[in-house]
């Protein structure tokens, strides 16, 4: 009975981690408004010009959002401590990245002005371009978020078999390159995301100090 009550208490406590997401979305919207009157820095490298635009990659690009929701829900229900680790990773890395956007605003000029339209698919691309602007792009949150989910899956679910590992590898590759083929990010954004993701992994998935702190929450 005590074990069941303890499990319910932990579940209720973990729900507080989810409060980060509406707060983050609100802060990002406000950040977009705040940076409108500033002079952002253009992000570009020669490799960007070698990568063609391909609207089919809007599918894995949007899958990123669904995957975050699915993984968080799964870990919330089934893996209490792993939910905390992944949530702390998102909170830490996304907050740091938002601060970087605030201090060093960036933008892209990679989106095609015209392209051959495919029924429905092109409408989805237009919707993404309208909602997800070319401002505040470096480092890439898509890459940071996907790196966190990949590291979670490898650490906590990798033992379940090769199929799971292969599936996450494929999803990671597709989502990462989708940011480039959709012209939503520069290669510079991808590279800049790597050290933030690595530090987040060290602190949230491997850091003993972070585990000790979480026990007191």
C-alpha atoms as a PDB file:
ATOM      1  CA  UNK A   1       0.000   0.000   0.000  1.00  0.00           C
ATOM      2  CA  UNK A   2       2.809   2.406   0.952  1.00  0.00           C
ATOM      3  CA  UNK A   3       4.611   1.614  -2.300  1.00  0.00           C
ATOM      4  CA  UNK A   4       1.470   2.401  -4.302  1.00  0.00           C
ATOM      5  CA  UNK A   5       0.997   5.730  -2.482  1.00  0.00           C
ATOM      6  CA  UNK A   6       4.647   6.597  -3.057  1.00  0.00           C
ATOM      7  CA  UNK A   7       4.251   5.855  -6.770  1.00  0.00           C
ATOM      8  CA  UNK A   8       1.179   8.101  -6.983  1.00  0.00           C
ATOM      9  CA  UNK A   9       3.023  10.906  -5.147  1.00  0.00           C
ATOM     10  CA  UNK A  10       5.932  10.676  -7.579  1.00  0.00           C
ATOM     11  CA  UNK A  11       3.499  10.784 -10.499  1.00  0.00           C
ATOM     12  CA  UNK A  12       1.874  13.957  -9.145  1.00  0.00           C
ATOM     13  CA  UNK A  13       5.281  15.524  -8.580  1.00  0.00           C
ATOM     14  CA  UNK A  14       6.332  14.712 -12.130  1.00  0.00           C
ATOM     15  CA  UNK A  15       3.305  16.529 -13.498  1.00  0.00           C
ATOM     16  CA  UNK A  16       4.942  19.778 -12.400  1.00  0.00           C
ATOM     17  CA  UNK A  17       7.665  19.204 -14.970  1.00  0.00           C
ATOM     18  CA  UNK A  18       5.022  19.500 -17.688  1.00  0.00           C
ATOM     19  CA  UNK A  19       4.346  23.087 -16.582  1.00  0.00           C
ATOM     20  CA  UNK A  20       7.591  23.982 -18.336  1.00  0.00           C
ATOM     21  CA  UNK A  21       6.071  23.550 -21.787  1.00  0.00           C
ATOM     22  CA  UNK A  22       3.355  26.239 -21.739  1.00  0.00           C
ATOM     23  CA  UNK A  23       5.846  28.554 -20.002  1.00  0.00           C
ATOM     24  CA  UNK A  24       8.441  27.844 -22.675  1.00  0.00           C
ATOM     25  CA  UNK A  25       6.012  28.355 -25.564  1.00  0.00           C
ATOM     26  CA  UNK A  26       4.909  31.687 -24.073  1.00  0.00           C
ATOM     27  CA  UNK A  27       8.519  32.800 -23.584  1.00  0.00           C
ATOM     28  CA  UNK A  28       9.390  31.891 -27.182  1.00  0.00           C
ATOM     29  CA  UNK A  29       6.427  33.871 -28.532  1.00  0.00           C
ATOM     30  CA  UNK A  30       7.473  36.872 -26.435  1.00  0.00           C
ATOM     31  CA  UNK A  31      11.060  36.441 -27.609  1.00  0.00           C
ATOM     32  CA  UNK A  32       9.936  36.589 -31.241  1.00  0.00           C
ATOM     33  CA  UNK A  33       8.161  39.871 -30.512  1.00  0.00           C
ATOM     34  CA  UNK A  34      11.128  41.238 -28.588  1.00  0.00           C
ATOM     35  CA  UNK A  35      13.636  40.550 -31.378  1.00  0.00           C
ATOM     36  CA  UNK A  36      11.495  42.079 -34.132  1.00  0.00           C
ATOM     37  CA  UNK A  37      13.049  45.528 -33.753  1.00  0.00           C
ATOM     38  CA  UNK A  38      16.608  44.328 -33.265  1.00  0.00           C
ATOM     39  CA  UNK A  39      19.317  43.566 -35.833  1.00  0.00           C
ATOM     40  CA  UNK A  40      19.774  39.779 -35.898  1.00  0.00           C
ATOM     41  CA  UNK A  41      22.853  38.080 -37.297  1.00  0.00           C
ATOM     42  CA  UNK A  42      22.603  36.140 -40.550  1.00  0.00           C
ATOM     43  CA  UNK A  43      23.540  32.457 -40.253  1.00  0.00           C
ATOM     44  CA  UNK A  44      24.933  30.830 -43.380  1.00  0.00           C
ATOM     45  CA  UNK A  45      27.700  28.574 -44.659  1.00  0.00           C
ATOM     46  CA  UNK A  46      28.606  27.320 -48.117  1.00  0.00           C
ATOM     47  CA  UNK A  47      27.260  23.810 -47.390  1.00  0.00           C
ATOM     48  CA  UNK A  48      23.760  25.270 -47.070  1.00  0.00           C
ATOM     49  CA  UNK A  49      23.862  26.200 -50.751  1.00  0.00           C
ATOM     50  CA  UNK A  50      24.649  22.589 -51.705  1.00  0.00           C
ATOM     51  CA  UNK A  51      21.565  21.197 -49.955  1.00  0.00           C
ATOM     52  CA  UNK A  52      18.429  21.318 -52.151  1.00  0.00           C
ATOM     53  CA  UNK A  53      15.000  22.212 -50.824  1.00  0.00           C
ATOM     54  CA  UNK A  54      12.711  19.173 -50.572  1.00  0.00           C
ATOM     55  CA  UNK A  55       9.203  19.612 -49.262  1.00  0.00           C
ATOM     56  CA  UNK A  56       8.768  15.912 -48.488  1.00  0.00           C
ATOM     57  CA  UNK A  57      10.969  16.455 -45.455  1.00  0.00           C
ATOM     58  CA  UNK A  58       8.183  18.455 -43.816  1.00  0.00           C
ATOM     59  CA  UNK A  59       6.839  15.067 -42.657  1.00  0.00           C
ATOM     60  CA  UNK A  60       9.803  14.088 -40.451  1.00  0.00           C
ATOM     61  CA  UNK A  61      10.206  17.744 -39.498  1.00  0.00           C
ATOM     62  CA  UNK A  62       6.735  17.780 -37.942  1.00  0.00           C
ATOM     63  CA  UNK A  63       7.181  14.277 -36.531  1.00  0.00           C
ATOM     64  CA  UNK A  64       9.619  15.842 -34.042  1.00  0.00           C
ATOM     65  CA  UNK A  65       6.762  17.528 -32.198  1.00  0.00           C
ATOM     66  CA  UNK A  66       4.703  14.339 -32.052  1.00  0.00           C
ATOM     67  CA  UNK A  67       7.696  12.316 -30.891  1.00  0.00           C
ATOM     68  CA  UNK A  68       8.369  14.659 -27.965  1.00  0.00           C
ATOM     69  CA  UNK A  69       4.754  14.326 -26.803  1.00  0.00           C
ATOM     70  CA  UNK A  70       4.765  10.532 -27.170  1.00  0.00           C
ATOM     71  CA  UNK A  71       8.094  10.032 -25.386  1.00  0.00           C
ATOM     72  CA  UNK A  72       7.163  12.338 -22.505  1.00  0.00           C
ATOM     73  CA  UNK A  73       3.784  10.641 -22.068  1.00  0.00           C
ATOM     74  CA  UNK A  74       5.353   7.184 -22.189  1.00  0.00           C
ATOM     75  CA  UNK A  75       8.027   7.981 -19.634  1.00  0.00           C
ATOM     76  CA  UNK A  76       5.546   9.810 -17.390  1.00  0.00           C
ATOM     77  CA  UNK A  77       3.412   6.668 -17.192  1.00  0.00           C
ATOM     78  CA  UNK A  78       6.060   3.945 -17.307  1.00  0.00           C
ATOM     79  CA  UNK A  79       9.492   5.325 -16.389  1.00  0.00           C
ATOM     80  CA  UNK A  80       9.279   7.823 -13.543  1.00  0.00           C
ATOM     81  CA  UNK A  81      12.978   8.548 -13.065  1.00  0.00           C
ATOM     82  CA  UNK A  82      13.679   8.585 -16.791  1.00  0.00           C
ATOM     83  CA  UNK A  83      10.842  11.079 -17.228  1.00  0.00           C
ATOM     84  CA  UNK A  84      12.607  13.342 -14.725  1.00  0.00           C
ATOM     85  CA  UNK A  85      15.936  12.980 -16.477  1.00  0.00           C
ATOM     86  CA  UNK A  86      14.494  13.792 -19.881  1.00  0.00           C
ATOM     87  CA  UNK A  87      12.390  16.664 -18.511  1.00  0.00           C
ATOM     88  CA  UNK A  88      15.414  18.189 -16.796  1.00  0.00           C
ATOM     89  CA  UNK A  89      17.294  17.874 -20.074  1.00  0.00           C
ATOM     90  CA  UNK A  90      14.595  19.758 -21.967  1.00  0.00           C
ATOM     91  CA  UNK A  91      14.290  22.425 -19.283  1.00  0.00           C
ATOM     92  CA  UNK A  92      18.046  23.006 -19.098  1.00  0.00           C
ATOM     93  CA  UNK A  93      18.910  22.950 -22.794  1.00  0.00           C
ATOM     94  CA  UNK A  94      15.836  24.795 -24.054  1.00  0.00           C
ATOM     95  CA  UNK A  95      16.253  27.515 -21.416  1.00  0.00           C
ATOM     96  CA  UNK A  96      19.937  27.971 -22.240  1.00  0.00           C
ATOM     97  CA  UNK A  97      19.123  28.120 -25.948  1.00  0.00           C
ATOM     98  CA  UNK A  98      16.413  30.729 -25.379  1.00  0.00           C
ATOM     99  CA  UNK A  99      18.900  32.873 -23.465  1.00  0.00           C
ATOM    100  CA  UNK A 100      21.327  32.547 -26.385  1.00  0.00           C
ATOM    101  CA  UNK A 101      18.595  33.719 -28.753  1.00  0.00           C
ATOM    102  CA  UNK A 102      17.985  36.695 -26.491  1.00  0.00           C
ATOM    103  CA  UNK A 103      21.660  37.669 -26.323  1.00  0.00           C
ATOM    104  CA  UNK A 104      22.600  36.777 -29.890  1.00  0.00           C
ATOM    105  CA  UNK A 105      19.521  36.882 -32.182  1.00  0.00           C
ATOM    106  CA  UNK A 106      19.929  35.119 -35.519  1.00  0.00           C
ATOM    107  CA  UNK A 107      18.008  34.577 -38.737  1.00  0.00           C
ATOM    108  CA  UNK A 108      18.149  32.680 -42.034  1.00  0.00           C
ATOM    109  CA  UNK A 109      17.648  33.524 -45.696  1.00  0.00           C
ATOM    110  CA  UNK A 110      17.462  29.993 -47.048  1.00  0.00           C
ATOM    111  CA  UNK A 111      13.787  29.463 -47.816  1.00  0.00           C
ATOM    112  CA  UNK A 112      12.920  29.176 -51.522  1.00  0.00           C
ATOM    113  CA  UNK A 113      10.789  31.966 -52.953  1.00  0.00           C
ATOM    114  CA  UNK A 114       9.039  29.551 -55.307  1.00  0.00           C
ATOM    115  CA  UNK A 115       8.945  25.783 -55.707  1.00  0.00           C
ATOM    116  CA  UNK A 116       6.938  23.104 -57.520  1.00  0.00           C
ATOM    117  CA  UNK A 117       3.817  22.568 -55.467  1.00  0.00           C
ATOM    118  CA  UNK A 118       2.532  19.161 -54.430  1.00  0.00           C
ATOM    119  CA  UNK A 119      -1.106  18.841 -53.400  1.00  0.00           C
ATOM    120  CA  UNK A 120      -1.590  19.225 -49.641  1.00  0.00           C
ATOM    121  CA  UNK A 121       2.130  18.787 -48.931  1.00  0.00           C
ATOM    122  CA  UNK A 122       2.941  22.304 -50.102  1.00  0.00           C
ATOM    123  CA  UNK A 123       0.086  23.685 -48.012  1.00  0.00           C
ATOM    124  CA  UNK A 124       1.642  22.081 -44.950  1.00  0.00           C
ATOM    125  CA  UNK A 125       5.007  23.642 -45.824  1.00  0.00           C
ATOM    126  CA  UNK A 126       3.342  27.040 -46.139  1.00  0.00           C
ATOM    127  CA  UNK A 127       1.751  26.550 -42.723  1.00  0.00           C
ATOM    128  CA  UNK A 128       5.106  25.628 -41.149  1.00  0.00           C
ATOM    129  CA  UNK A 129       6.800  28.650 -42.726  1.00  0.00           C
ATOM    130  CA  UNK A 130       4.030  30.930 -41.469  1.00  0.00           C
ATOM    131  CA  UNK A 131       4.133  29.642 -37.896  1.00  0.00           C
ATOM    132  CA  UNK A 132       7.840  28.840 -37.536  1.00  0.00           C
ATOM    133  CA  UNK A 133       9.765  31.941 -38.593  1.00  0.00           C
ATOM    134  CA  UNK A 134      13.375  32.149 -39.780  1.00  0.00           C
ATOM    135  CA  UNK A 135      14.373  34.076 -36.655  1.00  0.00           C
ATOM    136  CA  UNK A 136      16.122  32.699 -33.546  1.00  0.00           C
ATOM    137  CA  UNK A 137      17.560  29.622 -35.204  1.00  0.00           C
ATOM    138  CA  UNK A 138      21.096  29.085 -33.878  1.00  0.00           C
ATOM    139  CA  UNK A 139      21.533  26.675 -32.166  1.00  0.00           C
ATOM    140  CA  UNK A 140      18.758  24.440 -33.460  1.00  0.00           C
ATOM    141  CA  UNK A 141      16.162  23.357 -30.904  1.00  0.00           C
ATOM    142  CA  UNK A 142      15.109  20.577 -33.277  1.00  0.00           C
ATOM    143  CA  UNK A 143      18.579  19.068 -33.031  1.00  0.00           C
ATOM    144  CA  UNK A 144      18.858  19.585 -29.273  1.00  0.00           C
ATOM    145  CA  UNK A 145      15.457  18.050 -28.631  1.00  0.00           C
ATOM    146  CA  UNK A 146      16.081  15.070 -30.904  1.00  0.00           C
ATOM    147  CA  UNK A 147      19.475  14.469 -29.303  1.00  0.00           C
ATOM    148  CA  UNK A 148      17.816  14.290 -25.884  1.00  0.00           C
ATOM    149  CA  UNK A 149      15.265  11.720 -27.026  1.00  0.00           C
ATOM    150  CA  UNK A 150      17.921   9.683 -28.776  1.00  0.00           C
ATOM    151  CA  UNK A 151      20.127   9.605 -25.671  1.00  0.00           C
ATOM    152  CA  UNK A 152      17.124   8.696 -23.509  1.00  0.00           C
ATOM    153  CA  UNK A 153      16.223   5.780 -25.800  1.00  0.00           C
ATOM    154  CA  UNK A 154      19.777   4.513 -25.960  1.00  0.00           C
ATOM    155  CA  UNK A 155      20.280   4.680 -22.201  1.00  0.00           C
ATOM    156  CA  UNK A 156      16.961   3.322 -21.027  1.00  0.00           C
ATOM    157  CA  UNK A 157      15.464   1.265 -23.837  1.00  0.00           C
ATOM    158  CA  UNK A 158      18.460   0.145 -25.855  1.00  0.00           C
ATOM    159  CA  UNK A 159      18.546  -3.173 -24.005  1.00  0.00           C
ATOM    160  CA  UNK A 160      15.163  -4.111 -25.495  1.00  0.00           C
ATOM    161  CA  UNK A 161      16.691  -5.021 -28.818  1.00  0.00           C
ATOM    162  CA  UNK A 162      18.283  -3.979 -32.063  1.00  0.00           C
ATOM    163  CA  UNK A 163      14.972  -3.011 -33.674  1.00  0.00           C
ATOM    164  CA  UNK A 164      14.407  -0.210 -31.157  1.00  0.00           C
ATOM    165  CA  UNK A 165      17.924   1.136 -31.641  1.00  0.00           C
ATOM    166  CA  UNK A 166      17.649   1.050 -35.430  1.00  0.00           C
ATOM    167  CA  UNK A 167      14.261   2.802 -35.285  1.00  0.00           C
ATOM    168  CA  UNK A 168      15.610   5.650 -33.163  1.00  0.00           C
ATOM    169  CA  UNK A 169      18.702   6.004 -35.340  1.00  0.00           C
ATOM    170  CA  UNK A 170      16.544   6.303 -38.466  1.00  0.00           C
ATOM    171  CA  UNK A 171      14.175   8.786 -36.788  1.00  0.00           C
ATOM    172  CA  UNK A 172      17.103  10.892 -35.582  1.00  0.00           C
ATOM    173  CA  UNK A 173      18.767  10.989 -39.002  1.00  0.00           C
ATOM    174  CA  UNK A 174      15.534  11.872 -40.810  1.00  0.00           C
ATOM    175  CA  UNK A 175      14.569  14.621 -38.377  1.00  0.00           C
ATOM    176  CA  UNK A 176      18.051  16.134 -38.323  1.00  0.00           C
ATOM    177  CA  UNK A 177      18.388  16.301 -42.105  1.00  0.00           C
ATOM    178  CA  UNK A 178      14.767  17.473 -42.437  1.00  0.00           C
ATOM    179  CA  UNK A 179      15.770  20.760 -40.803  1.00  0.00           C
ATOM    180  CA  UNK A 180      18.308  21.262 -43.599  1.00  0.00           C
ATOM    181  CA  UNK A 181      16.225  20.116 -46.575  1.00  0.00           C
ATOM    182  CA  UNK A 182      13.260  22.151 -45.315  1.00  0.00           C
ATOM    183  CA  UNK A 183      15.614  25.154 -45.176  1.00  0.00           C
ATOM    184  CA  UNK A 184      14.585  25.722 -41.590  1.00  0.00           C
ATOM    185  CA  UNK A 185      18.164  25.575 -40.329  1.00  0.00           C
ATOM    186  CA  UNK A 186      21.707  26.073 -41.472  1.00  0.00           C
ATOM    187  CA  UNK A 187      24.443  23.500 -40.967  1.00  0.00           C
ATOM    188  CA  UNK A 188      25.858  26.056 -38.513  1.00  0.00           C
ATOM    189  CA  UNK A 189      22.731  25.679 -36.365  1.00  0.00           C
ATOM    190  CA  UNK A 190      23.159  21.909 -36.292  1.00  0.00           C
ATOM    191  CA  UNK A 191      26.819  22.083 -35.281  1.00  0.00           C
ATOM    192  CA  UNK A 192      26.115  24.723 -32.621  1.00  0.00           C
ATOM    193  CA  UNK A 193      23.481  22.458 -31.047  1.00  0.00           C
ATOM    194  CA  UNK A 194      25.923  19.594 -30.413  1.00  0.00           C
ATOM    195  CA  UNK A 195      27.858  21.036 -27.411  1.00  0.00           C
ATOM    196  CA  UNK A 196      24.613  22.126 -25.705  1.00  0.00           C
ATOM    197  CA  UNK A 197      23.133  18.656 -26.166  1.00  0.00           C
ATOM    198  CA  UNK A 198      26.320  17.036 -24.882  1.00  0.00           C
ATOM    199  CA  UNK A 199      26.436  19.192 -21.755  1.00  0.00           C
ATOM    200  CA  UNK A 200      22.743  18.510 -21.171  1.00  0.00           C
ATOM    201  CA  UNK A 201      23.401  14.791 -21.415  1.00  0.00           C
ATOM    202  CA  UNK A 202      26.288  14.977 -18.928  1.00  0.00           C
ATOM    203  CA  UNK A 203      24.290  16.942 -16.365  1.00  0.00           C
ATOM    204  CA  UNK A 204      20.855  15.362 -16.718  1.00  0.00           C
ATOM    205  CA  UNK A 205      21.519  11.783 -17.750  1.00  0.00           C
ATOM    206  CA  UNK A 206      24.908  11.228 -16.146  1.00  0.00           C
ATOM    207  CA  UNK A 207      25.278  13.886 -13.448  1.00  0.00           C
ATOM    208  CA  UNK A 208      25.081  12.468  -9.921  1.00  0.00           C
ATOM    209  CA  UNK A 209      24.542  15.949  -8.536  1.00  0.00           C
ATOM    210  CA  UNK A 210      21.423  16.415 -10.649  1.00  0.00           C
ATOM    211  CA  UNK A 211      20.037  13.101  -9.416  1.00  0.00           C
ATOM    212  CA  UNK A 212      20.594  14.113  -5.808  1.00  0.00           C
ATOM    213  CA  UNK A 213      18.834  17.423  -6.389  1.00  0.00           C
ATOM    214  CA  UNK A 214      15.881  15.713  -8.032  1.00  0.00           C
ATOM    215  CA  UNK A 215      15.350  13.507  -4.993  1.00  0.00           C
ATOM    216  CA  UNK A 216      14.605  16.608  -2.970  1.00  0.00           C
ATOM    217  CA  UNK A 217      12.054  17.965  -5.419  1.00  0.00           C
END
